[in-house]
Amino acid sequence: MGIDVVFRIAGIGILIAVACQLLKQTGRDDIAMLTALAGLIIVITMVIGLISTLFTNLRSVFQLY
């Protein structure tokens, strides 16, 4: 867990931005909004997993069970 997580999130952001722009240019604004929402949910899921790991590590370091 390091810089690769940042690159994954940035990659997802770039892909979602390109997909949204293409969908908006073709006139499918509703699908573009759903695509952006799906990308946001994917990234939030990744971040929640990282936060869970952080709290687990903090518990083990400070021996808080």
PDB file of N, CA and C in Angstrom:
ATOM      1  N   MET A   1       0.856  -1.176   0.000  1.00  0.00           N
ATOM      2  CA  MET A   1       0.000   0.000   0.000  1.00  0.00           C
ATOM      3  C   MET A   1       0.895   1.231   0.000  1.00  0.00           C
ATOM      4  N   GLY A   2       0.858   1.943  -1.052  1.00  0.00           N
ATOM      5  CA  GLY A   2       1.689   3.130  -1.156  1.00  0.00           C
ATOM      6  C   GLY A   2       1.161   4.038  -2.243  1.00  0.00           C
ATOM      7  N   ILE A   3       2.063   4.398  -3.114  1.00  0.00           N
ATOM      8  CA  ILE A   3       1.714   5.329  -4.171  1.00  0.00           C
ATOM      9  C   ILE A   3       0.817   4.675  -5.217  1.00  0.00           C
ATOM     10  N   ASP A   4       0.812   3.338  -5.259  1.00  0.00           N
ATOM     11  CA  ASP A   4      -0.009   2.646  -6.253  1.00  0.00           C
ATOM     12  C   ASP A   4      -1.502   2.905  -6.052  1.00  0.00           C
ATOM     13  N   VAL A   5      -1.916   3.110  -4.820  1.00  0.00           N
ATOM     14  CA  VAL A   5      -3.330   3.409  -4.545  1.00  0.00           C
ATOM     15  C   VAL A   5      -3.699   4.767  -5.137  1.00  0.00           C
ATOM     16  N   VAL A   6      -2.806   5.717  -5.014  1.00  0.00           N
ATOM     17  CA  VAL A   6      -3.050   7.048  -5.576  1.00  0.00           C
ATOM     18  C   VAL A   6      -3.150   6.969  -7.096  1.00  0.00           C
ATOM     19  N   PHE A   7      -2.263   6.162  -7.700  1.00  0.00           N
ATOM     20  CA  PHE A   7      -2.305   6.001  -9.155  1.00  0.00           C
ATOM     21  C   PHE A   7      -3.582   5.297  -9.606  1.00  0.00           C
ATOM     22  N   ARG A   8      -4.052   4.326  -8.826  1.00  0.00           N
ATOM     23  CA  ARG A   8      -5.302   3.644  -9.177  1.00  0.00           C
ATOM     24  C   ARG A   8      -6.479   4.610  -9.143  1.00  0.00           C
ATOM     25  N   ILE A   9      -6.543   5.412  -8.083  1.00  0.00           N
ATOM     26  CA  ILE A   9      -7.646   6.371  -7.961  1.00  0.00           C
ATOM     27  C   ILE A   9      -7.576   7.409  -9.071  1.00  0.00           C
ATOM     28  N   ALA A  10      -6.362   7.869  -9.384  1.00  0.00           N
ATOM     29  CA  ALA A  10      -6.207   8.846 -10.468  1.00  0.00           C
ATOM     30  C   ALA A  10      -6.587   8.232 -11.809  1.00  0.00           C
ATOM     31  N   GLY A  11      -6.207   6.981 -12.028  1.00  0.00           N
ATOM     32  CA  GLY A  11      -6.559   6.300 -13.276  1.00  0.00           C
ATOM     33  C   GLY A  11      -8.057   6.143 -13.437  1.00  0.00           C
ATOM     34  N   ILE A  12      -8.720   5.765 -12.357  1.00  0.00           N
ATOM     35  CA  ILE A  12     -10.178   5.649 -12.402  1.00  0.00           C
ATOM     36  C   ILE A  12     -10.801   7.008 -12.691  1.00  0.00           C
ATOM     37  N   GLY A  13     -10.279   8.046 -12.063  1.00  0.00           N
ATOM     38  CA  GLY A  13     -10.800   9.392 -12.292  1.00  0.00           C
ATOM     39  C   GLY A  13     -10.649   9.835 -13.734  1.00  0.00           C
ATOM     40  N   ILE A  14      -9.501   9.542 -14.326  1.00  0.00           N
ATOM     41  CA  ILE A  14      -9.270   9.926 -15.724  1.00  0.00           C
ATOM     42  C   ILE A  14     -10.201   9.156 -16.654  1.00  0.00           C
ATOM     43  N   LEU A  15     -10.330   7.851 -16.420  1.00  0.00           N
ATOM     44  CA  LEU A  15     -11.220   7.044 -17.266  1.00  0.00           C
ATOM     45  C   LEU A  15     -12.671   7.499 -17.167  1.00  0.00           C
ATOM     46  N   ILE A  16     -13.108   7.788 -15.961  1.00  0.00           N
ATOM     47  CA  ILE A  16     -14.488   8.236 -15.771  1.00  0.00           C
ATOM     48  C   ILE A  16     -14.700   9.606 -16.412  1.00  0.00           C
ATOM     49  N   ALA A  17     -13.720  10.487 -16.296  1.00  0.00           N
ATOM     50  CA  ALA A  17     -13.853  11.815 -16.903  1.00  0.00           C
ATOM     51  C   ALA A  17     -13.957  11.717 -18.421  1.00  0.00           C
ATOM     52  N   VAL A  18     -13.140  10.867 -19.025  1.00  0.00           N
ATOM     53  CA  VAL A  18     -13.190  10.695 -20.483  1.00  0.00           C
ATOM     54  C   VAL A  18     -14.532  10.097 -20.893  1.00  0.00           C
ATOM     55  N   ALA A  19     -14.986   9.082 -20.153  1.00  0.00           N
ATOM     56  CA  ALA A  19     -16.273   8.458 -20.485  1.00  0.00           C
ATOM     57  C   ALA A  19     -17.413   9.455 -20.360  1.00  0.00           C
ATOM     58  N   CYS A  20     -17.383  10.273 -19.314  1.00  0.00           N
ATOM     59  CA  CYS A  20     -18.443  11.272 -19.128  1.00  0.00           C
ATOM     60  C   CYS A  20     -18.437  12.302 -20.255  1.00  0.00           C
ATOM     61  N   GLN A  21     -17.257  12.742 -20.667  1.00  0.00           N
ATOM     62  CA  GLN A  21     -17.186  13.717 -21.746  1.00  0.00           C
ATOM     63  C   GLN A  21     -17.702  13.138 -23.054  1.00  0.00           C
ATOM     64  N   LEU A  22     -17.346  11.890 -23.331  1.00  0.00           N
ATOM     65  CA  LEU A  22     -17.838  11.257 -24.552  1.00  0.00           C
ATOM     66  C   LEU A  22     -19.350  11.094 -24.517  1.00  0.00           C
ATOM     67  N   LEU A  23     -19.876  10.687 -23.379  1.00  0.00           N
ATOM     68  CA  LEU A  23     -21.323  10.510 -23.267  1.00  0.00           C
ATOM     69  C   LEU A  23     -22.072  11.840 -23.360  1.00  0.00           C
ATOM     70  N   LYS A  24     -21.498  12.898 -22.787  1.00  0.00           N
ATOM     71  CA  LYS A  24     -22.154  14.204 -22.867  1.00  0.00           C
ATOM     72  C   LYS A  24     -22.160  14.742 -24.295  1.00  0.00           C
ATOM     73  N   GLN A  25     -21.084  14.480 -25.031  1.00  0.00           N
ATOM     74  CA  GLN A  25     -21.026  14.956 -26.413  1.00  0.00           C
ATOM     75  C   GLN A  25     -22.016  14.232 -27.306  1.00  0.00           C
ATOM     76  N   THR A  26     -22.336  12.998 -26.949  1.00  0.00           N
ATOM     77  CA  THR A  26     -23.316  12.253 -27.748  1.00  0.00           C
ATOM     78  C   THR A  26     -24.742  12.519 -27.288  1.00  0.00           C
ATOM     79  N   GLY A  27     -24.909  13.340 -26.261  1.00  0.00           N
ATOM     80  CA  GLY A  27     -26.239  13.714 -25.814  1.00  0.00           C
ATOM     81  C   GLY A  27     -26.839  12.783 -24.784  1.00  0.00           C
ATOM     82  N   ARG A  28     -26.049  11.961 -24.176  1.00  0.00           N
ATOM     83  CA  ARG A  28     -26.556  11.028 -23.162  1.00  0.00           C
ATOM     84  C   ARG A  28     -26.122  11.493 -21.774  1.00  0.00           C
ATOM     85  N   ASP A  29     -26.688  12.616 -21.360  1.00  0.00           N
ATOM     86  CA  ASP A  29     -26.311  13.216 -20.082  1.00  0.00           C
ATOM     87  C   ASP A  29     -26.710  12.349 -18.896  1.00  0.00           C
ATOM     88  N   ASP A  30     -27.833  11.656 -19.001  1.00  0.00           N
ATOM     89  CA  ASP A  30     -28.275  10.824 -17.886  1.00  0.00           C
ATOM     90  C   ASP A  30     -27.326   9.649 -17.652  1.00  0.00           C
ATOM     91  N   ILE A  31     -26.845   9.045 -18.728  1.00  0.00           N
ATOM     92  CA  ILE A  31     -25.901   7.933 -18.578  1.00  0.00           C
ATOM     93  C   ILE A  31     -24.543   8.455 -18.113  1.00  0.00           C
ATOM     94  N   ALA A  32     -24.179   9.673 -18.533  1.00  0.00           N
ATOM     95  CA  ALA A  32     -22.925  10.265 -18.062  1.00  0.00           C
ATOM     96  C   ALA A  32     -22.965  10.492 -16.555  1.00  0.00           C
ATOM     97  N   MET A  33     -24.115  10.917 -16.052  1.00  0.00           N
ATOM     98  CA  MET A  33     -24.253  11.118 -14.612  1.00  0.00           C
ATOM     99  C   MET A  33     -24.153   9.787 -13.868  1.00  0.00           C
ATOM    100  N   LEU A  34     -24.772   8.748 -14.410  1.00  0.00           N
ATOM    101  CA  LEU A  34     -24.681   7.430 -13.784  1.00  0.00           C
ATOM    102  C   LEU A  34     -23.251   6.885 -13.820  1.00  0.00           C
ATOM    103  N   THR A  35     -22.532   7.173 -14.896  1.00  0.00           N
ATOM    104  CA  THR A  35     -21.135   6.746 -14.993  1.00  0.00           C
ATOM    105  C   THR A  35     -20.281   7.446 -13.941  1.00  0.00           C
ATOM    106  N   ALA A  36     -20.497   8.735 -13.773  1.00  0.00           N
ATOM    107  CA  ALA A  36     -19.760   9.476 -12.756  1.00  0.00           C
ATOM    108  C   ALA A  36     -20.098   8.967 -11.361  1.00  0.00           C
ATOM    109  N   LEU A  37     -21.352   8.660 -11.134  1.00  0.00           N
ATOM    110  CA  LEU A  37     -21.774   8.131  -9.843  1.00  0.00           C
ATOM    111  C   LEU A  37     -21.149   6.764  -9.584  1.00  0.00           C
ATOM    112  N   ALA A  38     -21.092   5.915 -10.601  1.00  0.00           N
ATOM    113  CA  ALA A  38     -20.470   4.601 -10.451  1.00  0.00           C
ATOM    114  C   ALA A  38     -18.982   4.730 -10.131  1.00  0.00           C
ATOM    115  N   GLY A  39     -18.302   5.656 -10.792  1.00  0.00           N
ATOM    116  CA  GLY A  39     -16.886   5.893 -10.501  1.00  0.00           C
ATOM    117  C   GLY A  39     -16.674   6.378  -9.082  1.00  0.00           C
ATOM    118  N   LEU A  40     -17.557   7.251  -8.624  1.00  0.00           N
ATOM    119  CA  LEU A  40     -17.463   7.753  -7.256  1.00  0.00           C
ATOM    120  C   LEU A  40     -17.659   6.625  -6.253  1.00  0.00           C
ATOM    121  N   ILE A  41     -18.615   5.751  -6.516  1.00  0.00           N
ATOM    122  CA  ILE A  41     -18.873   4.628  -5.608  1.00  0.00           C
ATOM    123  C   ILE A  41     -17.674   3.681  -5.572  1.00  0.00           C
ATOM    124  N   ILE A  42     -17.051   3.436  -6.709  1.00  0.00           N
ATOM    125  CA  ILE A  42     -15.872   2.563  -6.753  1.00  0.00           C
ATOM    126  C   ILE A  42     -14.738   3.152  -5.928  1.00  0.00           C
ATOM    127  N   VAL A  43     -14.486   4.439  -6.089  1.00  0.00           N
ATOM    128  CA  VAL A  43     -13.395   5.081  -5.352  1.00  0.00           C
ATOM    129  C   VAL A  43     -13.705   5.133  -3.855  1.00  0.00           C
ATOM    130  N   ILE A  44     -14.934   5.432  -3.492  1.00  0.00           N
ATOM    131  CA  ILE A  44     -15.297   5.469  -2.074  1.00  0.00           C
ATOM    132  C   ILE A  44     -15.145   4.086  -1.450  1.00  0.00           C
ATOM    133  N   THR A  45     -15.497   3.045  -2.190  1.00  0.00           N
ATOM    134  CA  THR A  45     -15.311   1.687  -1.688  1.00  0.00           C
ATOM    135  C   THR A  45     -13.833   1.385  -1.441  1.00  0.00           C
ATOM    136  N   MET A  46     -12.980   1.822  -2.345  1.00  0.00           N
ATOM    137  CA  MET A  46     -11.538   1.625  -2.155  1.00  0.00           C
ATOM    138  C   MET A  46     -11.047   2.375  -0.921  1.00  0.00           C
ATOM    139  N   VAL A  47     -11.496   3.603  -0.755  1.00  0.00           N
ATOM    140  CA  VAL A  47     -11.049   4.426   0.372  1.00  0.00           C
ATOM    141  C   VAL A  47     -11.557   3.858   1.693  1.00  0.00           C
ATOM    142  N   ILE A  48     -12.785   3.354   1.717  1.00  0.00           N
ATOM    143  CA  ILE A  48     -13.320   2.760   2.943  1.00  0.00           C
ATOM    144  C   ILE A  48     -12.496   1.541   3.345  1.00  0.00           C
ATOM    145  N   GLY A  49     -12.088   0.743   2.367  1.00  0.00           N
ATOM    146  CA  GLY A  49     -11.216  -0.399   2.663  1.00  0.00           C
ATOM    147  C   GLY A  49      -9.891   0.034   3.245  1.00  0.00           C
ATOM    148  N   LEU A  50      -9.326   1.106   2.717  1.00  0.00           N
ATOM    149  CA  LEU A  50      -8.060   1.611   3.248  1.00  0.00           C
ATOM    150  C   LEU A  50      -8.215   2.163   4.662  1.00  0.00           C
ATOM    151  N   ILE A  51      -9.316   2.841   4.930  1.00  0.00           N
ATOM    152  CA  ILE A  51      -9.566   3.381   6.262  1.00  0.00           C
ATOM    153  C   ILE A  51      -9.770   2.250   7.261  1.00  0.00           C
ATOM    154  N   SER A  52     -10.432   1.190   6.835  1.00  0.00           N
ATOM    155  CA  SER A  52     -10.616   0.028   7.696  1.00  0.00           C
ATOM    156  C   SER A  52      -9.278  -0.594   8.053  1.00  0.00           C
ATOM    157  N   THR A  53      -8.403  -0.715   7.075  1.00  0.00           N
ATOM    158  CA  THR A  53      -7.063  -1.249   7.335  1.00  0.00           C
ATOM    159  C   THR A  53      -6.292  -0.340   8.282  1.00  0.00           C
ATOM    160  N   LEU A  54      -6.439   0.960   8.117  1.00  0.00           N
ATOM    161  CA  LEU A  54      -5.766   1.909   8.998  1.00  0.00           C
ATOM    162  C   LEU A  54      -6.202   1.729  10.442  1.00  0.00           C
ATOM    163  N   PHE A  55      -7.513   1.625  10.677  1.00  0.00           N
ATOM    164  CA  PHE A  55      -8.001   1.458  12.039  1.00  0.00           C
ATOM    165  C   PHE A  55      -7.589   0.113  12.630  1.00  0.00           C
ATOM    166  N   THR A  56      -7.540  -0.916  11.805  1.00  0.00           N
ATOM    167  CA  THR A  56      -7.070  -2.213  12.288  1.00  0.00           C
ATOM    168  C   THR A  56      -5.614  -2.135  12.710  1.00  0.00           C
ATOM    169  N   ASN A  57      -4.804  -1.447  11.926  1.00  0.00           N
ATOM    170  CA  ASN A  57      -3.389  -1.283  12.277  1.00  0.00           C
ATOM    171  C   ASN A  57      -3.226  -0.443  13.541  1.00  0.00           C
ATOM    172  N   LEU A  58      -4.042   0.602  13.680  1.00  0.00           N
ATOM    173  CA  LEU A  58      -3.953   1.429  14.891  1.00  0.00           C
ATOM    174  C   LEU A  58      -4.343   0.627  16.131  1.00  0.00           C
ATOM    175  N   ARG A  59      -5.361  -0.223  16.017  1.00  0.00           N
ATOM    176  CA  ARG A  59      -5.746  -1.057  17.136  1.00  0.00           C
ATOM    177  C   ARG A  59      -4.631  -2.004  17.549  1.00  0.00           C
ATOM    178  N   SER A  60      -3.964  -2.586  16.559  1.00  0.00           N
ATOM    179  CA  SER A  60      -2.897  -3.531  16.889  1.00  0.00           C
ATOM    180  C   SER A  60      -1.671  -2.817  17.458  1.00  0.00           C
ATOM    181  N   VAL A  61      -1.381  -1.619  16.981  1.00  0.00           N
ATOM    182  CA  VAL A  61      -0.233  -0.878  17.499  1.00  0.00           C
ATOM    183  C   VAL A  61      -0.451  -0.445  18.940  1.00  0.00           C
ATOM    184  N   PHE A  62      -1.624   0.074  19.234  1.00  0.00           N
ATOM    185  CA  PHE A  62      -1.901   0.558  20.584  1.00  0.00           C
ATOM    186  C   PHE A  62      -2.570  -0.494  21.459  1.00  0.00           C
ATOM    187  N   GLN A  63      -2.708  -1.706  20.942  1.00  0.00           N
ATOM    188  CA  GLN A  63      -3.289  -2.840  21.656  1.00  0.00           C
ATOM    189  C   GLN A  63      -4.665  -2.495  22.228  1.00  0.00           C
ATOM    190  N   LEU A  64      -5.509  -1.942  21.391  1.00  0.00           N
ATOM    191  CA  LEU A  64      -6.876  -1.609  21.766  1.00  0.00           C
ATOM    192  C   LEU A  64      -7.800  -2.675  21.195  1.00  0.00           C
ATOM    193  N   TYR A  65      -8.238  -3.562  22.026  1.00  0.00           N
ATOM    194  CA  TYR A  65      -9.113  -4.637  21.532  1.00  0.00           C
ATOM    195  C   TYR A  65     -10.452  -4.388  22.028  1.00  0.00           C
TER     196      TYR A  65
END
